Structure formats: C-alpha cells, structure tokens
Amino acid sequence: MTRLTKQVKSLYADSKYEMPAKQLSEAALTKANTQKDKVYKLRGDLSKAQQKAFKVDQQQLQAAKKIFSVQDTLNTELGDDQVLKDEGFKIQAFNNDFT
C-alpha cells in the first residue's frame, strides 16, 4: 500500500496532487498500475484507513491515465511545432480591448 501511494505521488509534481502531472511517463504509469493490481488482490486485508487511501490512489491513478492520454493526443496533434494556434484570433482587437 505504501509503495503504491509513493508511486502514485511520484506521477505528480507534489505529494498533495495539486499540480498537473509532470513526471508522467508510460513506464511510471505501468509500474503504479501493476502495484495497484497487487494491492487490489489484498484489499480485503486492508484496514479502513488503508482502504480509503487505496480509493484515493485509484482515483489519482485514473486521473493520471486521463492526463497522459490528453498529453499524448496533444503531442501527436501538434507534431513538431508544439504550439497551439487560434486561427480566428485578431491581435489588433485584443490590443484595443486593453488600451
């Protein structure tokens, strides 16, 4: 349980899960997921506090998978440019609003 929690926390920028996932990699996700599966088999032996922590870890792991999926899709779509562009954006109108 402790190892799973450490692995899930390591996927994020800080231990409170407040920052977007920065250390996200497919290898780290797979490692954490494997550990989750091991803990899942033993979930009947966990104390109430551990079960609560396990639920939180499962949710954070699920969120990390979604973030990774979005990052992966964005990287594929952006290609080499790695820049988001709004074709309809008019810089002059934007500047006029803030003068």
PDB file of N, CA and C in Angstrom:
ATOM      1  N   MET A   1       0.829  -1.193   0.000  1.00  0.00           N
ATOM      2  CA  MET A   1       0.000   0.000   0.000  1.00  0.00           C
ATOM      3  C   MET A   1       0.870   1.251   0.000  1.00  0.00           C
ATOM      4  N   THR A   2       1.896   1.245   0.843  1.00  0.00           N
ATOM      5  CA  THR A   2       2.803   2.394   0.922  1.00  0.00           C
ATOM      6  C   THR A   2       3.535   2.590  -0.397  1.00  0.00           C
ATOM      7  N   ARG A   3       3.967   1.502  -0.991  1.00  0.00           N
ATOM      8  CA  ARG A   3       4.680   1.583  -2.272  1.00  0.00           C
ATOM      9  C   ARG A   3       3.769   2.146  -3.358  1.00  0.00           C
ATOM     10  N   LEU A   4       2.514   1.696  -3.384  1.00  0.00           N
ATOM     11  CA  LEU A   4       1.552   2.207  -4.365  1.00  0.00           C
ATOM     12  C   LEU A   4       1.369   3.713  -4.192  1.00  0.00           C
ATOM     13  N   THR A   5       1.182   4.133  -2.950  1.00  0.00           N
ATOM     14  CA  THR A   5       0.978   5.559  -2.679  1.00  0.00           C
ATOM     15  C   THR A   5       2.185   6.375  -3.130  1.00  0.00           C
ATOM     16  N   LYS A   6       3.386   5.881  -2.853  1.00  0.00           N
ATOM     17  CA  LYS A   6       4.605   6.582  -3.281  1.00  0.00           C
ATOM     18  C   LYS A   6       4.679   6.667  -4.798  1.00  0.00           C
ATOM     19  N   GLN A   7       4.339   5.576  -5.478  1.00  0.00           N
ATOM     20  CA  GLN A   7       4.398   5.561  -6.940  1.00  0.00           C
ATOM     21  C   GLN A   7       3.374   6.514  -7.542  1.00  0.00           C
ATOM     22  N   VAL A   8       2.178   6.549  -6.961  1.00  0.00           N
ATOM     23  CA  VAL A   8       1.143   7.455  -7.474  1.00  0.00           C
ATOM     24  C   VAL A   8       1.552   8.907  -7.234  1.00  0.00           C
ATOM     25  N   LYS A   9       2.084   9.191  -6.043  1.00  0.00           N
ATOM     26  CA  LYS A   9       2.531  10.554  -5.750  1.00  0.00           C
ATOM     27  C   LYS A   9       3.653  10.981  -6.681  1.00  0.00           C
ATOM     28  N   SER A  10       4.514  10.036  -7.046  1.00  0.00           N
ATOM     29  CA  SER A  10       5.645  10.382  -7.918  1.00  0.00           C
ATOM     30  C   SER A  10       5.191  10.745  -9.330  1.00  0.00           C
ATOM     31  N   LEU A  11       3.973  10.374  -9.702  1.00  0.00           N
ATOM     32  CA  LEU A  11       3.452  10.736 -11.020  1.00  0.00           C
ATOM     33  C   LEU A  11       3.136  12.223 -11.106  1.00  0.00           C
ATOM     34  N   TYR A  12       2.939  12.843  -9.960  1.00  0.00           N
ATOM     35  CA  TYR A  12       2.538  14.244  -9.898  1.00  0.00           C
ATOM     36  C   TYR A  12       3.706  15.115  -9.444  1.00  0.00           C
ATOM     37  N   ALA A  13       3.543  16.420  -9.569  1.00  0.00           N
ATOM     38  CA  ALA A  13       4.609  17.356  -9.230  1.00  0.00           C
ATOM     39  C   ALA A  13       4.815  17.456  -7.721  1.00  0.00           C
ATOM     40  N   ASP A  14       3.759  17.287  -6.928  1.00  0.00           N
ATOM     41  CA  ASP A  14       3.929  17.332  -5.478  1.00  0.00           C
ATOM     42  C   ASP A  14       3.060  16.272  -4.818  1.00  0.00           C
ATOM     43  N   SER A  15       3.270  16.075  -3.535  1.00  0.00           N
ATOM     44  CA  SER A  15       2.617  14.963  -2.841  1.00  0.00           C
ATOM     45  C   SER A  15       1.133  15.216  -2.561  1.00  0.00           C
ATOM     46  N   LYS A  16       0.663  16.438  -2.766  1.00  0.00           N
ATOM     47  CA  LYS A  16      -0.741  16.732  -2.467  1.00  0.00           C
ATOM     48  C   LYS A  16      -1.626  16.631  -3.704  1.00  0.00           C
ATOM     49  N   TYR A  17      -1.062  16.223  -4.829  1.00  0.00           N
ATOM     50  CA  TYR A  17      -1.799  16.051  -6.078  1.00  0.00           C
ATOM     51  C   TYR A  17      -2.394  17.362  -6.587  1.00  0.00           C
ATOM     52  N   GLU A  18      -1.808  18.507  -6.179  1.00  0.00           N
ATOM     53  CA  GLU A  18      -2.390  19.787  -6.576  1.00  0.00           C
ATOM     54  C   GLU A  18      -1.894  20.246  -7.940  1.00  0.00           C
ATOM     55  N   MET A  19      -0.711  19.819  -8.321  1.00  0.00           N
ATOM     56  CA  MET A  19      -0.135  20.267  -9.581  1.00  0.00           C
ATOM     57  C   MET A  19      -0.457  19.265 -10.685  1.00  0.00           C
ATOM     58  N   PRO A  20      -0.467  19.734 -11.921  1.00  0.00           N
ATOM     59  CA  PRO A  20      -0.645  18.785 -13.016  1.00  0.00           C
ATOM     60  C   PRO A  20       0.496  17.770 -13.024  1.00  0.00           C
ATOM     61  N   ALA A  21       0.241  16.628 -13.587  1.00  0.00           N
ATOM     62  CA  ALA A  21       1.248  15.573 -13.611  1.00  0.00           C
ATOM     63  C   ALA A  21       2.421  16.000 -14.488  1.00  0.00           C
ATOM     64  N   LYS A  22       3.618  16.038 -13.913  1.00  0.00           N
ATOM     65  CA  LYS A  22       4.808  16.439 -14.660  1.00  0.00           C
ATOM     66  C   LYS A  22       5.724  15.249 -14.929  1.00  0.00           C
ATOM     67  N   GLN A  23       5.812  14.342 -13.961  1.00  0.00           N
ATOM     68  CA  GLN A  23       6.703  13.189 -14.120  1.00  0.00           C
ATOM     69  C   GLN A  23       6.002  12.032 -14.812  1.00  0.00           C
ATOM     70  N   LEU A  24       4.957  12.337 -15.551  1.00  0.00           N
ATOM     71  CA  LEU A  24       4.144  11.294 -16.159  1.00  0.00           C
ATOM     72  C   LEU A  24       4.868  10.615 -17.312  1.00  0.00           C
ATOM     73  N   SER A  25       5.005   9.315 -17.220  1.00  0.00           N
ATOM     74  CA  SER A  25       5.571   8.539 -18.321  1.00  0.00           C
ATOM     75  C   SER A  25       4.826   7.214 -18.372  1.00  0.00           C
ATOM     76  N   GLU A  26       4.876   6.582 -19.526  1.00  0.00           N
ATOM     77  CA  GLU A  26       4.158   5.311 -19.674  1.00  0.00           C
ATOM     78  C   GLU A  26       4.725   4.259 -18.716  1.00  0.00           C
ATOM     79  N   ALA A  27       6.046   4.276 -18.531  1.00  0.00           N
ATOM     80  CA  ALA A  27       6.692   3.300 -17.641  1.00  0.00           C
ATOM     81  C   ALA A  27       6.234   3.491 -16.195  1.00  0.00           C
ATOM     82  N   ALA A  28       6.198   4.751 -15.747  1.00  0.00           N
ATOM     83  CA  ALA A  28       5.786   5.026 -14.365  1.00  0.00           C
ATOM     84  C   ALA A  28       4.319   4.669 -14.151  1.00  0.00           C
ATOM     85  N   LEU A  29       3.489   4.951 -15.151  1.00  0.00           N
ATOM     86  CA  LEU A  29       2.068   4.607 -15.061  1.00  0.00           C
ATOM     87  C   LEU A  29       1.872   3.098 -14.982  1.00  0.00           C
ATOM     88  N   THR A  30       2.613   2.377 -15.796  1.00  0.00           N
ATOM     89  CA  THR A  30       2.511   0.914 -15.810  1.00  0.00           C
ATOM     90  C   THR A  30       2.947   0.340 -14.468  1.00  0.00           C
ATOM     91  N   LYS A  31       4.031   0.889 -13.926  1.00  0.00           N
ATOM     92  CA  LYS A  31       4.556   0.431 -12.635  1.00  0.00           C
ATOM     93  C   LYS A  31       3.512   0.645 -11.532  1.00  0.00           C
ATOM     94  N   ALA A  32       2.919   1.838 -11.497  1.00  0.00           N
ATOM     95  CA  ALA A  32       1.915   2.152 -10.488  1.00  0.00           C
ATOM     96  C   ALA A  32       0.670   1.281 -10.677  1.00  0.00           C
ATOM     97  N   ASN A  33       0.302   1.031 -11.917  1.00  0.00           N
ATOM     98  CA  ASN A  33      -0.875   0.212 -12.208  1.00  0.00           C
ATOM     99  C   ASN A  33      -0.657  -1.236 -11.765  1.00  0.00           C
ATOM    100  N   THR A  34       0.536  -1.755 -11.987  1.00  0.00           N
ATOM    101  CA  THR A  34       0.875  -3.115 -11.551  1.00  0.00           C
ATOM    102  C   THR A  34       0.783  -3.220 -10.037  1.00  0.00           C
ATOM    103  N   GLN A  35       1.302  -2.191  -9.349  1.00  0.00           N
ATOM    104  CA  GLN A  35       1.246  -2.174  -7.886  1.00  0.00           C
ATOM    105  C   GLN A  35      -0.201  -2.092  -7.418  1.00  0.00           C
ATOM    106  N   LYS A  36      -1.033  -1.323  -8.123  1.00  0.00           N
ATOM    107  CA  LYS A  36      -2.449  -1.214  -7.765  1.00  0.00           C
ATOM    108  C   LYS A  36      -3.128  -2.578  -7.868  1.00  0.00           C
ATOM    109  N   ASP A  37      -2.792  -3.320  -8.930  1.00  0.00           N
ATOM    110  CA  ASP A  37      -3.377  -4.651  -9.112  1.00  0.00           C
ATOM    111  C   ASP A  37      -3.001  -5.589  -7.964  1.00  0.00           C
ATOM    112  N   LYS A  38      -1.751  -5.476  -7.509  1.00  0.00           N
ATOM    113  CA  LYS A  38      -1.308  -6.318  -6.378  1.00  0.00           C
ATOM    114  C   LYS A  38      -2.087  -5.975  -5.111  1.00  0.00           C
ATOM    115  N   VAL A  39      -2.247  -4.669  -4.849  1.00  0.00           N
ATOM    116  CA  VAL A  39      -2.966  -4.232  -3.656  1.00  0.00           C
ATOM    117  C   VAL A  39      -4.444  -4.603  -3.772  1.00  0.00           C
ATOM    118  N   TYR A  40      -4.986  -4.514  -4.997  1.00  0.00           N
ATOM    119  CA  TYR A  40      -6.396  -4.829  -5.224  1.00  0.00           C
ATOM    120  C   TYR A  40      -6.711  -6.267  -4.799  1.00  0.00           C
ATOM    121  N   LYS A  41      -5.782  -7.187  -5.069  1.00  0.00           N
ATOM    122  CA  LYS A  41      -5.986  -8.590  -4.682  1.00  0.00           C
ATOM    123  C   LYS A  41      -6.049  -8.749  -3.170  1.00  0.00           C
ATOM    124  N   LEU A  42      -5.351  -7.854  -2.438  1.00  0.00           N
ATOM    125  CA  LEU A  42      -5.283  -7.954  -0.976  1.00  0.00           C
ATOM    126  C   LEU A  42      -6.242  -6.990  -0.277  1.00  0.00           C
ATOM    127  N   ARG A  43      -7.146  -6.357  -1.040  1.00  0.00           N
ATOM    128  CA  ARG A  43      -7.961  -5.282  -0.471  1.00  0.00           C
ATOM    129  C   ARG A  43      -8.802  -5.722   0.720  1.00  0.00           C
ATOM    130  N   GLY A  44      -9.147  -7.003   0.801  1.00  0.00           N
ATOM    131  CA  GLY A  44      -9.929  -7.491   1.941  1.00  0.00           C
ATOM    132  C   GLY A  44      -9.154  -7.452   3.238  1.00  0.00           C
ATOM    133  N   ASP A  45      -7.813  -7.474   3.148  1.00  0.00           N
ATOM    134  CA  ASP A  45      -6.970  -7.471   4.347  1.00  0.00           C
ATOM    135  C   ASP A  45      -6.609  -6.060   4.810  1.00  0.00           C
ATOM    136  N   LEU A  46      -7.000  -5.042   4.042  1.00  0.00           N
ATOM    137  CA  LEU A  46      -6.615  -3.677   4.394  1.00  0.00           C
ATOM    138  C   LEU A  46      -7.483  -3.125   5.515  1.00  0.00           C
ATOM    139  N   SER A  47      -6.885  -2.248   6.333  1.00  0.00           N
ATOM    140  CA  SER A  47      -7.662  -1.567   7.372  1.00  0.00           C
ATOM    141  C   SER A  47      -8.540  -0.515   6.686  1.00  0.00           C
ATOM    142  N   LYS A  48      -9.486   0.075   7.455  1.00  0.00           N
ATOM    143  CA  LYS A  48     -10.375   1.087   6.865  1.00  0.00           C
ATOM    144  C   LYS A  48      -9.582   2.278   6.327  1.00  0.00           C
ATOM    145  N   ALA A  49      -8.565   2.701   7.068  1.00  0.00           N
ATOM    146  CA  ALA A  49      -7.742   3.837   6.629  1.00  0.00           C
ATOM    147  C   ALA A  49      -7.004   3.488   5.336  1.00  0.00           C
ATOM    148  N   GLN A  50      -6.485   2.268   5.265  1.00  0.00           N
ATOM    149  CA  GLN A  50      -5.773   1.839   4.064  1.00  0.00           C
ATOM    150  C   GLN A  50      -6.726   1.741   2.868  1.00  0.00           C
ATOM    151  N   GLN A  51      -7.950   1.261   3.134  1.00  0.00           N
ATOM    152  CA  GLN A  51      -8.938   1.165   2.054  1.00  0.00           C
ATOM    153  C   GLN A  51      -9.283   2.551   1.505  1.00  0.00           C
ATOM    154  N   LYS A  52      -9.388   3.529   2.409  1.00  0.00           N
ATOM    155  CA  LYS A  52      -9.676   4.901   1.989  1.00  0.00           C
ATOM    156  C   LYS A  52      -8.509   5.434   1.152  1.00  0.00           C
ATOM    157  N   ALA A  53      -7.277   5.193   1.620  1.00  0.00           N
ATOM    158  CA  ALA A  53      -6.087   5.636   0.887  1.00  0.00           C
ATOM    159  C   ALA A  53      -6.026   4.943  -0.474  1.00  0.00           C
ATOM    160  N   PHE A  54      -6.411   3.676  -0.504  1.00  0.00           N
ATOM    161  CA  PHE A  54      -6.394   2.915  -1.760  1.00  0.00           C
ATOM    162  C   PHE A  54      -7.375   3.513  -2.768  1.00  0.00           C
ATOM    163  N   LYS A  55      -8.564   3.905  -2.280  1.00  0.00           N
ATOM    164  CA  LYS A  55      -9.548   4.524  -3.173  1.00  0.00           C
ATOM    165  C   LYS A  55      -9.000   5.822  -3.765  1.00  0.00           C
ATOM    166  N   VAL A  56      -8.352   6.625  -2.918  1.00  0.00           N
ATOM    167  CA  VAL A  56      -7.766   7.888  -3.377  1.00  0.00           C
ATOM    168  C   VAL A  56      -6.684   7.598  -4.416  1.00  0.00           C
ATOM    169  N   ASP A  57      -5.825   6.622  -4.124  1.00  0.00           N
ATOM    170  CA  ASP A  57      -4.758   6.266  -5.062  1.00  0.00           C
ATOM    171  C   ASP A  57      -5.332   5.791  -6.393  1.00  0.00           C
ATOM    172  N   GLN A  58      -6.406   5.006  -6.334  1.00  0.00           N
ATOM    173  CA  GLN A  58      -7.046   4.531  -7.567  1.00  0.00           C
ATOM    174  C   GLN A  58      -7.571   5.710  -8.387  1.00  0.00           C
ATOM    175  N   GLN A  59      -8.197   6.664  -7.701  1.00  0.00           N
ATOM    176  CA  GLN A  59      -8.740   7.837  -8.399  1.00  0.00           C
ATOM    177  C   GLN A  59      -7.619   8.664  -9.023  1.00  0.00           C
ATOM    178  N   GLN A  60      -6.518   8.840  -8.280  1.00  0.00           N
ATOM    179  CA  GLN A  60      -5.397   9.630  -8.791  1.00  0.00           C
ATOM    180  C   GLN A  60      -4.726   8.926  -9.964  1.00  0.00           C
ATOM    181  N   LEU A  61      -4.658   7.605  -9.901  1.00  0.00           N
ATOM    182  CA  LEU A  61      -4.086   6.825 -10.997  1.00  0.00           C
ATOM    183  C   LEU A  61      -4.966   6.954 -12.239  1.00  0.00           C
ATOM    184  N   GLN A  62      -6.279   6.918 -12.041  1.00  0.00           N
ATOM    185  CA  GLN A  62      -7.220   7.087 -13.151  1.00  0.00           C
ATOM    186  C   GLN A  62      -7.056   8.471 -13.771  1.00  0.00           C
ATOM    187  N   ALA A  63      -6.918   9.490 -12.915  1.00  0.00           N
ATOM    188  CA  ALA A  63      -6.723  10.864 -13.407  1.00  0.00           C
ATOM    189  C   ALA A  63      -5.413  10.962 -14.184  1.00  0.00           C
ATOM    190  N   ALA A  64      -4.355  10.324 -13.667  1.00  0.00           N
ATOM    191  CA  ALA A  64      -3.054  10.348 -14.345  1.00  0.00           C
ATOM    192  C   ALA A  64      -3.164   9.716 -15.731  1.00  0.00           C
ATOM    193  N   LYS A  65      -3.933   8.632 -15.834  1.00  0.00           N
ATOM    194  CA  LYS A  65      -4.122   7.977 -17.136  1.00  0.00           C
ATOM    195  C   LYS A  65      -4.817   8.914 -18.114  1.00  0.00           C
ATOM    196  N   LYS A  66      -5.825   9.646 -17.623  1.00  0.00           N
ATOM    197  CA  LYS A  66      -6.535  10.590 -18.485  1.00  0.00           C
ATOM    198  C   LYS A  66      -5.614  11.722 -18.926  1.00  0.00           C
ATOM    199  N   ILE A  67      -4.830  12.258 -17.981  1.00  0.00           N
ATOM    200  CA  ILE A  67      -3.887  13.336 -18.293  1.00  0.00           C
ATOM    201  C   ILE A  67      -2.890  12.848 -19.332  1.00  0.00           C
ATOM    202  N   PHE A  68      -2.365  11.644 -19.119  1.00  0.00           N
ATOM    203  CA  PHE A  68      -1.383  11.083 -20.056  1.00  0.00           C
ATOM    204  C   PHE A  68      -1.992  10.934 -21.444  1.00  0.00           C
ATOM    205  N   SER A  69      -3.232  10.483 -21.486  1.00  0.00           N
ATOM    206  CA  SER A  69      -3.935  10.307 -22.757  1.00  0.00           C
ATOM    207  C   SER A  69      -4.085  11.638 -23.481  1.00  0.00           C
ATOM    208  N   VAL A  70      -4.476  12.679 -22.742  1.00  0.00           N
ATOM    209  CA  VAL A  70      -4.637  14.006 -23.341  1.00  0.00           C
ATOM    210  C   VAL A  70      -3.287  14.544 -23.816  1.00  0.00           C
ATOM    211  N   GLN A  71      -2.253  14.399 -22.975  1.00  0.00           N
ATOM    212  CA  GLN A  71      -0.918  14.868 -23.356  1.00  0.00           C
ATOM    213  C   GLN A  71      -0.440  14.155 -24.610  1.00  0.00           C
ATOM    214  N   ASP A  72      -0.673  12.870 -24.660  1.00  0.00           N
ATOM    215  CA  ASP A  72      -0.266  12.060 -25.807  1.00  0.00           C
ATOM    216  C   ASP A  72      -0.983  12.530 -27.080  1.00  0.00           C
ATOM    217  N   THR A  73      -2.298  12.750 -26.961  1.00  0.00           N
ATOM    218  CA  THR A  73      -3.085  13.220 -28.102  1.00  0.00           C
ATOM    219  C   THR A  73      -2.603  14.596 -28.562  1.00  0.00           C
ATOM    220  N   LEU A  74      -2.361  15.503 -27.589  1.00  0.00           N
ATOM    221  CA  LEU A  74      -1.883  16.840 -27.933  1.00  0.00           C
ATOM    222  C   LEU A  74      -0.540  16.785 -28.642  1.00  0.00           C
ATOM    223  N   ASN A  75       0.378  15.994 -28.113  1.00  0.00           N
ATOM    224  CA  ASN A  75       1.701  15.880 -28.736  1.00  0.00           C
ATOM    225  C   ASN A  75       1.598  15.349 -30.159  1.00  0.00           C
ATOM    226  N   THR A  76       0.699  14.398 -30.372  1.00  0.00           N
ATOM    227  CA  THR A  76       0.512  13.839 -31.709  1.00  0.00           C
ATOM    228  C   THR A  76      -0.068  14.898 -32.653  1.00  0.00           C
ATOM    229  N   GLU A  77      -1.094  15.610 -32.168  1.00  0.00           N
ATOM    230  CA  GLU A  77      -1.755  16.614 -32.999  1.00  0.00           C
ATOM    231  C   GLU A  77      -0.846  17.802 -33.311  1.00  0.00           C
ATOM    232  N   LEU A  78      -0.066  18.234 -32.314  1.00  0.00           N
ATOM    233  CA  LEU A  78       0.785  19.414 -32.504  1.00  0.00           C
ATOM    234  C   LEU A  78       2.003  19.122 -33.367  1.00  0.00           C
ATOM    235  N   GLY A  79       2.452  17.871 -33.335  1.00  0.00           N
ATOM    236  CA  GLY A  79       3.616  17.500 -34.141  1.00  0.00           C
ATOM    237  C   GLY A  79       4.870  18.227 -33.684  1.00  0.00           C
ATOM    238  N   ASP A  80       5.679  18.693 -34.641  1.00  0.00           N
ATOM    239  CA  ASP A  80       6.959  19.333 -34.318  1.00  0.00           C
ATOM    240  C   ASP A  80       6.785  20.763 -33.815  1.00  0.00           C
ATOM    241  N   ASP A  81       5.696  21.425 -34.199  1.00  0.00           N
ATOM    242  CA  ASP A  81       5.510  22.828 -33.815  1.00  0.00           C
ATOM    243  C   ASP A  81       5.375  23.004 -32.310  1.00  0.00           C
ATOM    244  N   GLN A  82       4.607  22.118 -31.664  1.00  0.00           N
ATOM    245  CA  GLN A  82       4.337  22.192 -30.222  1.00  0.00           C
ATOM    246  C   GLN A  82       3.772  23.553 -29.816  1.00  0.00           C
ATOM    247  N   VAL A  83       2.965  24.145 -30.690  1.00  0.00           N
ATOM    248  CA  VAL A  83       2.350  25.439 -30.412  1.00  0.00           C
ATOM    249  C   VAL A  83       0.859  25.358 -30.760  1.00  0.00           C
ATOM    250  N   LEU A  84       0.027  25.824 -29.828  1.00  0.00           N
ATOM    251  CA  LEU A  84      -1.411  25.895 -30.108  1.00  0.00           C
ATOM    252  C   LEU A  84      -1.690  27.203 -30.832  1.00  0.00           C
ATOM    253  N   LYS A  85      -2.469  27.142 -31.898  1.00  0.00           N
ATOM    254  CA  LYS A  85      -2.769  28.345 -32.666  1.00  0.00           C
ATOM    255  C   LYS A  85      -4.274  28.526 -32.772  1.00  0.00           C
ATOM    256  N   ASP A  86      -4.708  29.766 -32.604  1.00  0.00           N
ATOM    257  CA  ASP A  86      -6.114  30.112 -32.812  1.00  0.00           C
ATOM    258  C   ASP A  86      -6.170  30.931 -34.086  1.00  0.00           C
ATOM    259  N   GLU A  87      -6.635  30.317 -35.148  1.00  0.00           N
ATOM    260  CA  GLU A  87      -6.648  30.975 -36.454  1.00  0.00           C
ATOM    261  C   GLU A  87      -7.559  32.200 -36.466  1.00  0.00           C
ATOM    262  N   GLY A  88      -8.601  32.201 -35.631  1.00  0.00           N
ATOM    263  CA  GLY A  88      -9.539  33.317 -35.612  1.00  0.00           C
ATOM    264  C   GLY A  88      -9.115  34.459 -34.707  1.00  0.00           C
ATOM    265  N   PHE A  89      -7.976  34.355 -34.058  1.00  0.00           N
ATOM    266  CA  PHE A  89      -7.509  35.371 -33.107  1.00  0.00           C
ATOM    267  C   PHE A  89      -6.980  36.600 -33.842  1.00  0.00           C
ATOM    268  N   LYS A  90      -7.517  37.771 -33.471  1.00  0.00           N
ATOM    269  CA  LYS A  90      -7.080  39.027 -34.083  1.00  0.00           C
ATOM    270  C   LYS A  90      -6.346  39.835 -33.017  1.00  0.00           C
ATOM    271  N   ILE A  91      -5.045  40.002 -33.186  1.00  0.00           N
ATOM    272  CA  ILE A  91      -4.230  40.683 -32.181  1.00  0.00           C
ATOM    273  C   ILE A  91      -4.644  42.147 -32.026  1.00  0.00           C
ATOM    274  N   GLN A  92      -5.059  42.800 -33.101  1.00  0.00           N
ATOM    275  CA  GLN A  92      -5.429  44.219 -33.024  1.00  0.00           C
ATOM    276  C   GLN A  92      -6.661  44.420 -32.139  1.00  0.00           C
ATOM    277  N   ALA A  93      -7.668  43.581 -32.302  1.00  0.00           N
ATOM    278  CA  ALA A  93      -8.872  43.668 -31.471  1.00  0.00           C
ATOM    279  C   ALA A  93      -8.527  43.409 -30.014  1.00  0.00           C
ATOM    280  N   PHE A  94      -7.630  42.477 -29.775  1.00  0.00           N
ATOM    281  CA  PHE A  94      -7.180  42.152 -28.424  1.00  0.00           C
ATOM    282  C   PHE A  94      -6.483  43.352 -27.806  1.00  0.00           C
ATOM    283  N   ASN A  95      -5.588  43.992 -28.548  1.00  0.00           N
ATOM    284  CA  ASN A  95      -4.843  45.150 -28.059  1.00  0.00           C
ATOM    285  C   ASN A  95      -5.787  46.326 -27.779  1.00  0.00           C
ATOM    286  N   ASN A  96      -6.794  46.517 -28.642  1.00  0.00           N
ATOM    287  CA  ASN A  96      -7.745  47.607 -28.446  1.00  0.00           C
ATOM    288  C   ASN A  96      -8.533  47.440 -27.150  1.00  0.00           C
ATOM    289  N   ASP A  97      -8.853  46.202 -26.796  1.00  0.00           N
ATOM    290  CA  ASP A  97      -9.600  45.930 -25.568  1.00  0.00           C
ATOM    291  C   ASP A  97      -8.812  46.317 -24.318  1.00  0.00           C
ATOM    292  N   PHE A  98      -7.503  46.310 -24.409  1.00  0.00           N
ATOM    293  CA  PHE A  98      -6.678  46.553 -23.225  1.00  0.00           C
ATOM    294  C   PHE A  98      -5.938  47.896 -23.240  1.00  0.00           C
ATOM    295  N   THR A  99      -6.303  48.778 -24.170  1.00  0.00           N
ATOM    296  CA  THR A  99      -5.668  50.113 -24.155  1.00  0.00           C
ATOM    297  C   THR A  99      -6.420  51.040 -23.251  1.00  0.00           C
TER     298      THR A  99
END
